Amino acid sequence: MWNVSEYSSRSCACDGHRRRLGETVKIALRHLHSLGEDADVPDMTPFSWDERYKLAHPQIDREHEALFSLAEKVLHSLGNGGDKEKIRDVFARLINYIQVHFSHEEELMDQHLYPGMGVHMAEHRRLIAQVTEYYRQFEADQLAVTTETMQFLRNWLDHHIRQSDQLLVVHIRRRERALTHA
């Protein structure tokens, strides 16, 4: 599991930086919310759980809902200009939970001989690398949370769940049906 402790010793450069970061996030949140009229981005907060994401696999659904909740907490902490320790904690929990969730999905892929496992795992690795880079930038006081940054996270979850994970769950259901009828 990814360990953020090596990055935890730094402190925030100044309160002004946190305030500017918070204002940037608030502007970006308003912009993302205004995109809600688009069919691909629902009219809700950027990381609200939506019934459209239910895949009828209880474990995966619970974990996806938890991912949305943690991502929303990160944005809320940033948007409120929260102290760096709180933001660091929530951000680290998000990254760790992403890894736990991906590990569970990958176990299911292996267990059910999912033919798309390599591609799916590559998507997981790319997200971990990108979120880890965001965390590194945050720790170095270089993260400018922009609409692009938040859209990346939101769009990645939306695409991955509604397409990649949906294909996985369909495969699992077919395999389970085939095994029960064999």
N, C-alpha and C. Protein backbone atom coordinates (compact mmCIF):
# COMPACT_ATOMS: atom_id res chain seq x y z
N MET A 1 0.83 -1.18 0.00
CA MET A 1 0.00 0.00 0.00
C MET A 1 0.88 1.24 0.00
N TRP A 2 0.41 2.28 -0.65
CA TRP A 2 1.15 3.53 -0.76
C TRP A 2 1.26 4.18 0.60
N ASN A 3 2.42 4.67 0.93
CA ASN A 3 2.65 5.27 2.24
C ASN A 3 2.98 6.74 2.07
N VAL A 4 2.16 7.59 2.68
CA VAL A 4 2.38 9.02 2.55
C VAL A 4 3.24 9.58 3.66
N SER A 5 3.69 8.75 4.59
CA SER A 5 4.43 9.28 5.75
C SER A 5 5.70 10.00 5.34
N GLU A 6 6.33 9.57 4.26
CA GLU A 6 7.56 10.24 3.84
C GLU A 6 7.30 11.67 3.43
N TYR A 7 6.06 11.99 3.09
CA TYR A 7 5.73 13.35 2.68
C TYR A 7 5.14 14.18 3.81
N SER A 8 4.94 13.58 4.98
CA SER A 8 4.19 14.22 6.04
C SER A 8 4.98 15.21 6.87
N SER A 9 6.27 15.32 6.70
CA SER A 9 7.07 16.17 7.58
C SER A 9 7.03 17.64 7.18
N ARG A 10 6.61 17.96 5.97
CA ARG A 10 6.60 19.36 5.53
C ARG A 10 5.40 20.09 6.11
N SER A 11 5.52 21.38 6.25
CA SER A 11 4.40 22.17 6.74
C SER A 11 4.03 23.20 5.69
N CYS A 12 2.85 23.77 5.84
CA CYS A 12 2.36 24.74 4.86
C CYS A 12 3.18 26.02 4.92
N ALA A 13 3.45 26.59 3.76
CA ALA A 13 4.29 27.79 3.68
C ALA A 13 3.63 28.98 4.37
N CYS A 14 2.32 29.15 4.15
CA CYS A 14 1.66 30.29 4.78
C CYS A 14 0.15 30.15 4.68
N ASP A 15 -0.54 30.91 5.55
CA ASP A 15 -2.00 30.89 5.52
C ASP A 15 -2.53 31.49 4.23
N GLY A 16 -1.82 32.46 3.67
CA GLY A 16 -2.25 33.09 2.42
C GLY A 16 -2.34 32.07 1.30
N HIS A 17 -1.40 31.15 1.26
CA HIS A 17 -1.42 30.11 0.23
C HIS A 17 -2.68 29.26 0.37
N ARG A 18 -3.02 28.87 1.61
CA ARG A 18 -4.22 28.06 1.82
C ARG A 18 -5.46 28.83 1.41
N ARG A 19 -5.52 30.12 1.73
CA ARG A 19 -6.69 30.92 1.34
C ARG A 19 -6.82 30.98 -0.17
N ARG A 20 -5.70 31.22 -0.87
CA ARG A 20 -5.74 31.27 -2.34
C ARG A 20 -6.15 29.93 -2.91
N LEU A 21 -5.62 28.86 -2.34
CA LEU A 21 -5.97 27.52 -2.79
C LEU A 21 -7.46 27.27 -2.57
N GLY A 22 -7.97 27.67 -1.41
CA GLY A 22 -9.39 27.51 -1.12
C GLY A 22 -10.26 28.28 -2.09
N GLU A 23 -9.87 29.50 -2.42
CA GLU A 23 -10.64 30.29 -3.38
C GLU A 23 -10.61 29.65 -4.77
N THR A 24 -9.47 29.13 -5.17
CA THR A 24 -9.36 28.46 -6.46
C THR A 24 -10.31 27.27 -6.51
N VAL A 25 -10.35 26.50 -5.44
CA VAL A 25 -11.23 25.33 -5.40
C VAL A 25 -12.69 25.76 -5.46
N LYS A 26 -13.05 26.80 -4.72
CA LYS A 26 -14.45 27.26 -4.75
C LYS A 26 -14.86 27.69 -6.14
N ILE A 27 -14.00 28.40 -6.83
CA ILE A 27 -14.30 28.82 -8.21
C ILE A 27 -14.45 27.59 -9.10
N ALA A 28 -13.54 26.64 -8.95
CA ALA A 28 -13.60 25.43 -9.77
C ALA A 28 -14.84 24.61 -9.46
N LEU A 29 -15.22 24.53 -8.18
CA LEU A 29 -16.44 23.81 -7.82
C LEU A 29 -17.67 24.45 -8.47
N ARG A 30 -17.73 25.79 -8.43
CA ARG A 30 -18.86 26.47 -9.07
C ARG A 30 -18.88 26.17 -10.56
N HIS A 31 -17.70 26.18 -11.20
CA HIS A 31 -17.64 25.90 -12.63
C HIS A 31 -18.07 24.47 -12.92
N LEU A 32 -17.56 23.51 -12.14
CA LEU A 32 -17.94 22.12 -12.37
C LEU A 32 -19.44 21.93 -12.16
N HIS A 33 -19.98 22.58 -11.14
CA HIS A 33 -21.41 22.46 -10.88
C HIS A 33 -22.21 23.02 -12.04
N SER A 34 -21.72 24.10 -12.65
CA SER A 34 -22.44 24.68 -13.78
C SER A 34 -22.44 23.76 -14.99
N LEU A 35 -21.48 22.83 -15.05
CA LEU A 35 -21.45 21.86 -16.15
C LEU A 35 -22.49 20.77 -15.98
N GLY A 36 -23.21 20.80 -14.86
CA GLY A 36 -24.17 19.76 -14.55
C GLY A 36 -25.27 19.59 -15.57
N GLU A 37 -25.52 20.58 -16.40
CA GLU A 37 -26.55 20.45 -17.41
C GLU A 37 -26.12 19.51 -18.52
N ASP A 38 -24.83 19.26 -18.65
CA ASP A 38 -24.32 18.33 -19.65
C ASP A 38 -24.72 16.92 -19.24
N ALA A 39 -25.09 16.09 -20.19
CA ALA A 39 -25.54 14.73 -19.91
C ALA A 39 -24.46 13.89 -19.23
N ASP A 40 -23.20 14.18 -19.49
CA ASP A 40 -22.13 13.39 -18.92
C ASP A 40 -21.73 13.82 -17.52
N VAL A 41 -22.11 15.01 -17.11
CA VAL A 41 -21.75 15.51 -15.79
C VAL A 41 -23.04 15.94 -15.10
N PRO A 42 -23.57 15.11 -14.20
CA PRO A 42 -24.85 15.39 -13.57
C PRO A 42 -24.84 16.66 -12.73
N ASP A 43 -26.01 17.25 -12.53
CA ASP A 43 -26.16 18.47 -11.75
C ASP A 43 -26.11 18.14 -10.27
N MET A 44 -24.92 18.07 -9.73
CA MET A 44 -24.71 17.75 -8.33
C MET A 44 -23.29 18.15 -7.98
N THR A 45 -22.92 17.98 -6.73
CA THR A 45 -21.56 18.29 -6.36
C THR A 45 -20.63 17.34 -7.11
N PRO A 46 -19.39 17.73 -7.30
CA PRO A 46 -18.50 16.96 -8.17
C PRO A 46 -18.35 15.48 -7.83
N PHE A 47 -18.46 15.11 -6.58
CA PHE A 47 -18.24 13.71 -6.23
C PHE A 47 -19.43 13.10 -5.50
N SER A 48 -20.62 13.51 -5.84
CA SER A 48 -21.81 12.92 -5.23
C SER A 48 -22.07 11.54 -5.81
N TRP A 49 -22.38 10.62 -4.93
CA TRP A 49 -22.76 9.27 -5.36
C TRP A 49 -24.11 9.37 -6.04
N ASP A 50 -24.26 8.64 -7.10
CA ASP A 50 -25.47 8.67 -7.91
C ASP A 50 -25.87 7.24 -8.21
N GLU A 51 -27.15 6.97 -8.26
CA GLU A 51 -27.65 5.62 -8.53
C GLU A 51 -27.14 5.07 -9.87
N ARG A 52 -26.76 5.97 -10.79
CA ARG A 52 -26.25 5.51 -12.08
C ARG A 52 -24.97 4.70 -11.93
N TYR A 53 -24.30 4.84 -10.80
CA TYR A 53 -23.04 4.15 -10.59
C TYR A 53 -23.21 2.77 -9.97
N LYS A 54 -24.42 2.42 -9.59
CA LYS A 54 -24.64 1.10 -9.00
C LYS A 54 -24.47 0.04 -10.08
N LEU A 55 -23.67 -0.96 -9.73
CA LEU A 55 -23.37 -2.03 -10.68
C LEU A 55 -23.99 -3.36 -10.27
N ALA A 56 -24.76 -3.35 -9.21
CA ALA A 56 -25.41 -4.57 -8.69
C ALA A 56 -24.37 -5.58 -8.21
N HIS A 57 -23.27 -5.09 -7.73
CA HIS A 57 -22.27 -5.93 -7.06
C HIS A 57 -22.02 -5.23 -5.71
N PRO A 58 -22.60 -5.76 -4.64
CA PRO A 58 -22.59 -5.04 -3.35
C PRO A 58 -21.22 -4.55 -2.88
N GLN A 59 -20.20 -5.39 -2.96
CA GLN A 59 -18.87 -4.97 -2.49
C GLN A 59 -18.34 -3.81 -3.33
N ILE A 60 -18.39 -3.93 -4.64
CA ILE A 60 -17.88 -2.88 -5.51
C ILE A 60 -18.70 -1.60 -5.32
N ASP A 61 -20.01 -1.73 -5.24
CA ASP A 61 -20.86 -0.54 -5.05
C ASP A 61 -20.54 0.18 -3.75
N ARG A 62 -20.39 -0.56 -2.66
CA ARG A 62 -20.04 0.07 -1.36
C ARG A 62 -18.70 0.79 -1.46
N GLU A 63 -17.74 0.15 -2.09
CA GLU A 63 -16.42 0.76 -2.20
C GLU A 63 -16.43 1.98 -3.11
N HIS A 64 -17.19 1.93 -4.19
CA HIS A 64 -17.30 3.11 -5.06
C HIS A 64 -17.95 4.27 -4.31
N GLU A 65 -18.99 3.99 -3.56
CA GLU A 65 -19.64 5.04 -2.79
C GLU A 65 -18.67 5.66 -1.78
N ALA A 66 -17.85 4.83 -1.15
CA ALA A 66 -16.85 5.33 -0.20
C ALA A 66 -15.80 6.18 -0.92
N LEU A 67 -15.41 5.79 -2.14
CA LEU A 67 -14.45 6.59 -2.92
C LEU A 67 -15.01 7.97 -3.21
N PHE A 68 -16.28 8.02 -3.62
CA PHE A 68 -16.91 9.31 -3.88
C PHE A 68 -16.92 10.17 -2.61
N SER A 69 -17.24 9.56 -1.50
CA SER A 69 -17.29 10.29 -0.23
C SER A 69 -15.92 10.86 0.15
N LEU A 70 -14.88 10.05 0.02
CA LEU A 70 -13.54 10.53 0.35
C LEU A 70 -13.07 11.62 -0.61
N ALA A 71 -13.35 11.46 -1.90
CA ALA A 71 -12.96 12.48 -2.87
C ALA A 71 -13.68 13.79 -2.57
N GLU A 72 -14.94 13.71 -2.20
CA GLU A 72 -15.70 14.91 -1.85
C GLU A 72 -15.10 15.57 -0.60
N LYS A 73 -14.66 14.77 0.36
CA LYS A 73 -14.04 15.32 1.58
C LYS A 73 -12.74 16.05 1.25
N VAL A 74 -11.96 15.50 0.32
CA VAL A 74 -10.73 16.18 -0.08
C VAL A 74 -11.07 17.55 -0.66
N LEU A 75 -12.02 17.57 -1.59
CA LEU A 75 -12.40 18.84 -2.21
C LEU A 75 -12.99 19.80 -1.20
N HIS A 76 -13.81 19.29 -0.31
CA HIS A 76 -14.41 20.15 0.71
C HIS A 76 -13.34 20.75 1.61
N SER A 77 -12.36 19.94 2.00
CA SER A 77 -11.26 20.43 2.84
C SER A 77 -10.47 21.51 2.11
N LEU A 78 -10.17 21.28 0.84
CA LEU A 78 -9.44 22.26 0.06
C LEU A 78 -10.27 23.53 -0.13
N GLY A 79 -11.54 23.34 -0.46
CA GLY A 79 -12.42 24.47 -0.73
C GLY A 79 -12.67 25.35 0.47
N ASN A 80 -12.59 24.77 1.65
CA ASN A 80 -12.79 25.54 2.87
C ASN A 80 -11.48 26.10 3.41
N GLY A 81 -10.42 25.94 2.65
CA GLY A 81 -9.12 26.45 3.10
C GLY A 81 -8.67 25.80 4.39
N GLY A 82 -9.04 24.50 4.55
CA GLY A 82 -8.71 23.77 5.76
C GLY A 82 -7.22 23.72 6.01
N ASP A 83 -6.87 23.39 7.26
CA ASP A 83 -5.45 23.33 7.56
C ASP A 83 -4.81 22.16 6.83
N LYS A 84 -3.55 22.30 6.57
CA LYS A 84 -2.83 21.35 5.72
C LYS A 84 -2.83 19.95 6.33
N GLU A 85 -2.76 19.84 7.63
CA GLU A 85 -2.76 18.51 8.27
C GLU A 85 -4.05 17.77 7.97
N LYS A 86 -5.18 18.46 8.06
CA LYS A 86 -6.47 17.81 7.79
C LYS A 86 -6.56 17.42 6.32
N ILE A 87 -6.14 18.31 5.44
CA ILE A 87 -6.16 18.01 4.01
C ILE A 87 -5.25 16.83 3.72
N ARG A 88 -4.06 16.84 4.30
CA ARG A 88 -3.11 15.75 4.10
C ARG A 88 -3.72 14.42 4.54
N ASP A 89 -4.37 14.42 5.68
CA ASP A 89 -4.98 13.20 6.21
C ASP A 89 -6.05 12.66 5.27
N VAL A 90 -6.95 13.53 4.83
CA VAL A 90 -8.05 13.09 3.96
C VAL A 90 -7.50 12.64 2.61
N PHE A 91 -6.55 13.38 2.08
CA PHE A 91 -5.95 13.04 0.79
C PHE A 91 -5.25 11.68 0.87
N ALA A 92 -4.49 11.45 1.95
CA ALA A 92 -3.80 10.18 2.14
C ALA A 92 -4.80 9.03 2.28
N ARG A 93 -5.89 9.27 3.01
CA ARG A 93 -6.92 8.23 3.16
C ARG A 93 -7.54 7.90 1.81
N LEU A 94 -7.76 8.92 0.97
CA LEU A 94 -8.31 8.68 -0.36
C LEU A 94 -7.36 7.80 -1.18
N ILE A 95 -6.10 8.14 -1.20
CA ILE A 95 -5.12 7.37 -1.98
C ILE A 95 -5.04 5.94 -1.47
N ASN A 96 -4.97 5.77 -0.16
CA ASN A 96 -4.91 4.42 0.40
C ASN A 96 -6.17 3.63 0.08
N TYR A 97 -7.32 4.28 0.17
CA TYR A 97 -8.58 3.57 -0.11
C TYR A 97 -8.67 3.20 -1.59
N ILE A 98 -8.20 4.07 -2.46
CA ILE A 98 -8.17 3.74 -3.89
C ILE A 98 -7.38 2.45 -4.08
N GLN A 99 -6.24 2.34 -3.42
CA GLN A 99 -5.42 1.14 -3.56
C GLN A 99 -6.11 -0.10 -3.00
N VAL A 100 -6.77 0.04 -1.86
CA VAL A 100 -7.51 -1.08 -1.28
C VAL A 100 -8.60 -1.52 -2.24
N HIS A 101 -9.36 -0.56 -2.75
CA HIS A 101 -10.44 -0.89 -3.68
C HIS A 101 -9.90 -1.57 -4.93
N PHE A 102 -8.85 -1.02 -5.51
CA PHE A 102 -8.27 -1.61 -6.71
C PHE A 102 -7.80 -3.04 -6.44
N SER A 103 -7.23 -3.25 -5.28
CA SER A 103 -6.79 -4.59 -4.91
C SER A 103 -7.97 -5.56 -4.88
N HIS A 104 -9.10 -5.12 -4.31
CA HIS A 104 -10.30 -5.96 -4.27
C HIS A 104 -10.80 -6.26 -5.68
N GLU A 105 -10.84 -5.23 -6.53
CA GLU A 105 -11.29 -5.45 -7.91
C GLU A 105 -10.36 -6.43 -8.62
N GLU A 106 -9.07 -6.27 -8.42
CA GLU A 106 -8.11 -7.12 -9.11
C GLU A 106 -8.19 -8.56 -8.62
N GLU A 107 -8.52 -8.77 -7.35
CA GLU A 107 -8.76 -10.12 -6.84
C GLU A 107 -9.97 -10.74 -7.54
N LEU A 108 -11.03 -9.93 -7.70
CA LEU A 108 -12.22 -10.43 -8.40
C LEU A 108 -11.90 -10.77 -9.86
N MET A 109 -11.10 -9.93 -10.51
CA MET A 109 -10.73 -10.20 -11.90
C MET A 109 -9.98 -11.52 -12.00
N ASP A 110 -9.05 -11.73 -11.09
CA ASP A 110 -8.27 -12.96 -11.09
C ASP A 110 -9.16 -14.17 -10.81
N GLN A 111 -10.00 -14.03 -9.80
CA GLN A 111 -10.89 -15.12 -9.39
C GLN A 111 -11.84 -15.52 -10.53
N HIS A 112 -12.29 -14.55 -11.31
CA HIS A 112 -13.28 -14.81 -12.36
C HIS A 112 -12.65 -14.84 -13.76
N LEU A 113 -11.32 -14.93 -13.81
CA LEU A 113 -10.59 -15.05 -15.08
C LEU A 113 -11.03 -13.99 -16.09
N TYR A 114 -11.03 -12.75 -15.64
CA TYR A 114 -11.49 -11.64 -16.47
C TYR A 114 -10.50 -11.39 -17.60
N PRO A 115 -10.94 -11.50 -18.86
CA PRO A 115 -10.01 -11.34 -19.99
C PRO A 115 -9.47 -9.92 -20.16
N GLY A 116 -10.17 -8.93 -19.62
CA GLY A 116 -9.71 -7.54 -19.73
C GLY A 116 -8.88 -7.08 -18.55
N MET A 117 -8.37 -8.02 -17.78
CA MET A 117 -7.65 -7.68 -16.55
C MET A 117 -6.45 -6.77 -16.79
N GLY A 118 -5.65 -7.04 -17.81
CA GLY A 118 -4.45 -6.24 -18.05
C GLY A 118 -4.78 -4.79 -18.33
N VAL A 119 -5.75 -4.55 -19.18
CA VAL A 119 -6.16 -3.18 -19.52
C VAL A 119 -6.74 -2.49 -18.29
N HIS A 120 -7.58 -3.22 -17.56
CA HIS A 120 -8.24 -2.66 -16.38
C HIS A 120 -7.20 -2.28 -15.32
N MET A 121 -6.24 -3.17 -15.10
CA MET A 121 -5.20 -2.89 -14.11
C MET A 121 -4.33 -1.71 -14.54
N ALA A 122 -4.10 -1.56 -15.84
CA ALA A 122 -3.32 -0.42 -16.34
C ALA A 122 -4.06 0.88 -16.03
N GLU A 123 -5.39 0.89 -16.15
CA GLU A 123 -6.17 2.08 -15.78
C GLU A 123 -5.97 2.39 -14.30
N HIS A 124 -5.99 1.35 -13.47
CA HIS A 124 -5.77 1.53 -12.03
C HIS A 124 -4.41 2.16 -11.77
N ARG A 125 -3.39 1.65 -12.40
CA ARG A 125 -2.03 2.15 -12.17
C ARG A 125 -1.89 3.61 -12.61
N ARG A 126 -2.52 3.95 -13.72
CA ARG A 126 -2.45 5.35 -14.19
C ARG A 126 -3.12 6.29 -13.20
N LEU A 127 -4.27 5.89 -12.65
CA LEU A 127 -4.93 6.77 -11.68
C LEU A 127 -4.08 6.91 -10.42
N ILE A 128 -3.54 5.81 -9.93
CA ILE A 128 -2.70 5.88 -8.73
C ILE A 128 -1.53 6.81 -8.97
N ALA A 129 -0.90 6.70 -10.13
CA ALA A 129 0.24 7.57 -10.45
C ALA A 129 -0.18 9.03 -10.48
N GLN A 130 -1.33 9.31 -11.10
CA GLN A 130 -1.78 10.70 -11.21
C GLN A 130 -2.17 11.28 -9.85
N VAL A 131 -2.91 10.54 -9.06
CA VAL A 131 -3.32 11.04 -7.74
C VAL A 131 -2.11 11.18 -6.82
N THR A 132 -1.16 10.27 -6.93
CA THR A 132 0.06 10.37 -6.15
C THR A 132 0.83 11.63 -6.54
N GLU A 133 0.84 11.95 -7.82
CA GLU A 133 1.51 13.18 -8.29
C GLU A 133 0.78 14.41 -7.74
N TYR A 134 -0.55 14.39 -7.74
CA TYR A 134 -1.30 15.51 -7.15
C TYR A 134 -0.92 15.66 -5.68
N TYR A 135 -0.81 14.55 -4.96
CA TYR A 135 -0.45 14.61 -3.55
C TYR A 135 0.95 15.20 -3.38
N ARG A 136 1.88 14.74 -4.20
CA ARG A 136 3.25 15.26 -4.13
C ARG A 136 3.27 16.76 -4.36
N GLN A 137 2.52 17.22 -5.34
CA GLN A 137 2.44 18.66 -5.63
C GLN A 137 1.80 19.41 -4.47
N PHE A 138 0.78 18.82 -3.88
CA PHE A 138 0.13 19.43 -2.71
C PHE A 138 1.14 19.60 -1.58
N GLU A 139 1.90 18.55 -1.31
CA GLU A 139 2.89 18.60 -0.23
C GLU A 139 3.97 19.64 -0.50
N ALA A 140 4.30 19.85 -1.75
CA ALA A 140 5.34 20.82 -2.11
C ALA A 140 4.75 22.22 -2.30
N ASP A 141 3.50 22.40 -1.91
CA ASP A 141 2.79 23.68 -2.08
C ASP A 141 2.78 24.12 -3.54
N GLN A 142 2.73 23.16 -4.45
CA GLN A 142 2.71 23.47 -5.87
C GLN A 142 1.38 23.10 -6.52
N LEU A 143 0.48 22.51 -5.76
CA LEU A 143 -0.79 22.08 -6.34
C LEU A 143 -1.73 23.26 -6.47
N ALA A 144 -2.01 23.61 -7.69
CA ALA A 144 -3.03 24.61 -7.96
C ALA A 144 -4.25 23.82 -8.41
N VAL A 145 -5.20 23.65 -7.49
CA VAL A 145 -6.38 22.87 -7.81
C VAL A 145 -7.21 23.67 -8.80
N THR A 146 -7.30 23.16 -9.99
CA THR A 146 -8.01 23.84 -11.06
C THR A 146 -9.21 23.02 -11.47
N THR A 147 -10.03 23.59 -12.30
CA THR A 147 -11.16 22.86 -12.86
C THR A 147 -10.66 21.62 -13.57
N GLU A 148 -9.54 21.75 -14.25
CA GLU A 148 -8.97 20.61 -14.98
C GLU A 148 -8.61 19.47 -14.03
N THR A 149 -7.99 19.79 -12.91
CA THR A 149 -7.60 18.78 -11.93
C THR A 149 -8.83 18.04 -11.41
N MET A 150 -9.84 18.79 -11.01
CA MET A 150 -11.04 18.18 -10.45
C MET A 150 -11.83 17.44 -11.51
N GLN A 151 -11.87 17.99 -12.71
CA GLN A 151 -12.56 17.30 -13.80
C GLN A 151 -11.89 15.97 -14.10
N PHE A 152 -10.56 15.96 -14.06
CA PHE A 152 -9.85 14.70 -14.29
C PHE A 152 -10.33 13.64 -13.31
N LEU A 153 -10.34 13.95 -12.02
CA LEU A 153 -10.74 12.99 -11.01
C LEU A 153 -12.19 12.56 -11.19
N ARG A 154 -13.06 13.53 -11.38
CA ARG A 154 -14.49 13.22 -11.53
C ARG A 154 -14.74 12.41 -12.79
N ASN A 155 -14.17 12.85 -13.90
CA ASN A 155 -14.38 12.14 -15.16
C ASN A 155 -13.78 10.74 -15.14
N TRP A 156 -12.63 10.62 -14.47
CA TRP A 156 -12.01 9.30 -14.38
C TRP A 156 -12.94 8.34 -13.65
N LEU A 157 -13.45 8.75 -12.50
CA LEU A 157 -14.36 7.88 -11.75
C LEU A 157 -15.60 7.56 -12.57
N ASP A 158 -16.17 8.57 -13.18
CA ASP A 158 -17.38 8.37 -13.98
C ASP A 158 -17.13 7.36 -15.09
N HIS A 159 -16.08 7.58 -15.87
CA HIS A 159 -15.76 6.69 -16.99
C HIS A 159 -15.42 5.28 -16.49
N HIS A 160 -14.55 5.20 -15.51
CA HIS A 160 -14.08 3.90 -15.04
C HIS A 160 -15.22 3.05 -14.48
N ILE A 161 -16.08 3.66 -13.68
CA ILE A 161 -17.17 2.90 -13.07
C ILE A 161 -18.20 2.52 -14.13
N ARG A 162 -18.64 3.48 -14.91
CA ARG A 162 -19.74 3.22 -15.84
C ARG A 162 -19.32 2.43 -17.07
N GLN A 163 -18.04 2.33 -17.33
CA GLN A 163 -17.60 1.55 -18.48
C GLN A 163 -16.73 0.37 -18.06
N SER A 164 -15.56 0.63 -17.55
CA SER A 164 -14.62 -0.45 -17.24
C SER A 164 -15.16 -1.38 -16.15
N ASP A 165 -15.62 -0.80 -15.04
CA ASP A 165 -16.13 -1.65 -13.96
C ASP A 165 -17.44 -2.32 -14.36
N GLN A 166 -18.24 -1.66 -15.15
CA GLN A 166 -19.48 -2.28 -15.64
C GLN A 166 -19.16 -3.54 -16.44
N LEU A 167 -18.16 -3.47 -17.31
CA LEU A 167 -17.76 -4.65 -18.08
C LEU A 167 -17.29 -5.77 -17.16
N LEU A 168 -16.55 -5.41 -16.13
CA LEU A 168 -16.09 -6.41 -15.17
C LEU A 168 -17.27 -7.09 -14.48
N VAL A 169 -18.22 -6.32 -14.01
CA VAL A 169 -19.36 -6.89 -13.29
C VAL A 169 -20.20 -7.77 -14.22
N VAL A 170 -20.38 -7.35 -15.46
CA VAL A 170 -21.12 -8.18 -16.44
C VAL A 170 -20.40 -9.51 -16.61
N HIS A 171 -19.09 -9.47 -16.72
CA HIS A 171 -18.31 -10.71 -16.85
C HIS A 171 -18.49 -11.60 -15.61
N ILE A 172 -18.43 -11.01 -14.43
CA ILE A 172 -18.58 -11.78 -13.19
C ILE A 172 -19.95 -12.45 -13.17
N ARG A 173 -21.00 -11.70 -13.51
CA ARG A 173 -22.35 -12.28 -13.51
C ARG A 173 -22.45 -13.44 -14.50
N ARG A 174 -21.91 -13.26 -15.69
CA ARG A 174 -21.95 -14.34 -16.70
C ARG A 174 -21.22 -15.58 -16.20
N ARG A 175 -20.06 -15.37 -15.61
CA ARG A 175 -19.29 -16.52 -15.09
C ARG A 175 -20.03 -17.22 -13.99
N GLU A 176 -20.63 -16.44 -13.09
CA GLU A 176 -21.38 -17.06 -11.99
C GLU A 176 -22.58 -17.83 -12.51
N ARG A 177 -23.28 -17.28 -13.51
CA ARG A 177 -24.41 -18.00 -14.11
C ARG A 177 -23.94 -19.29 -14.77
N ALA A 178 -22.85 -19.18 -15.50
CA ALA A 178 -22.32 -20.36 -16.20
C ALA A 178 -21.92 -21.46 -15.20
N LEU A 179 -21.33 -21.05 -14.09
CA LEU A 179 -20.91 -22.02 -13.07
C LEU A 179 -22.10 -22.67 -12.38
N THR A 180 -23.17 -21.91 -12.16
CA THR A 180 -24.35 -22.49 -11.49
C THR A 180 -25.15 -23.39 -12.42
N HIS A 181 -25.03 -23.19 -13.73
CA HIS A 181 -25.75 -24.02 -14.70
C HIS A 181 -24.90 -25.17 -15.23
N ALA A 182 -23.69 -25.28 -14.74
CA ALA A 182 -22.79 -26.33 -15.25
C ALA A 182 -23.02 -27.63 -14.53
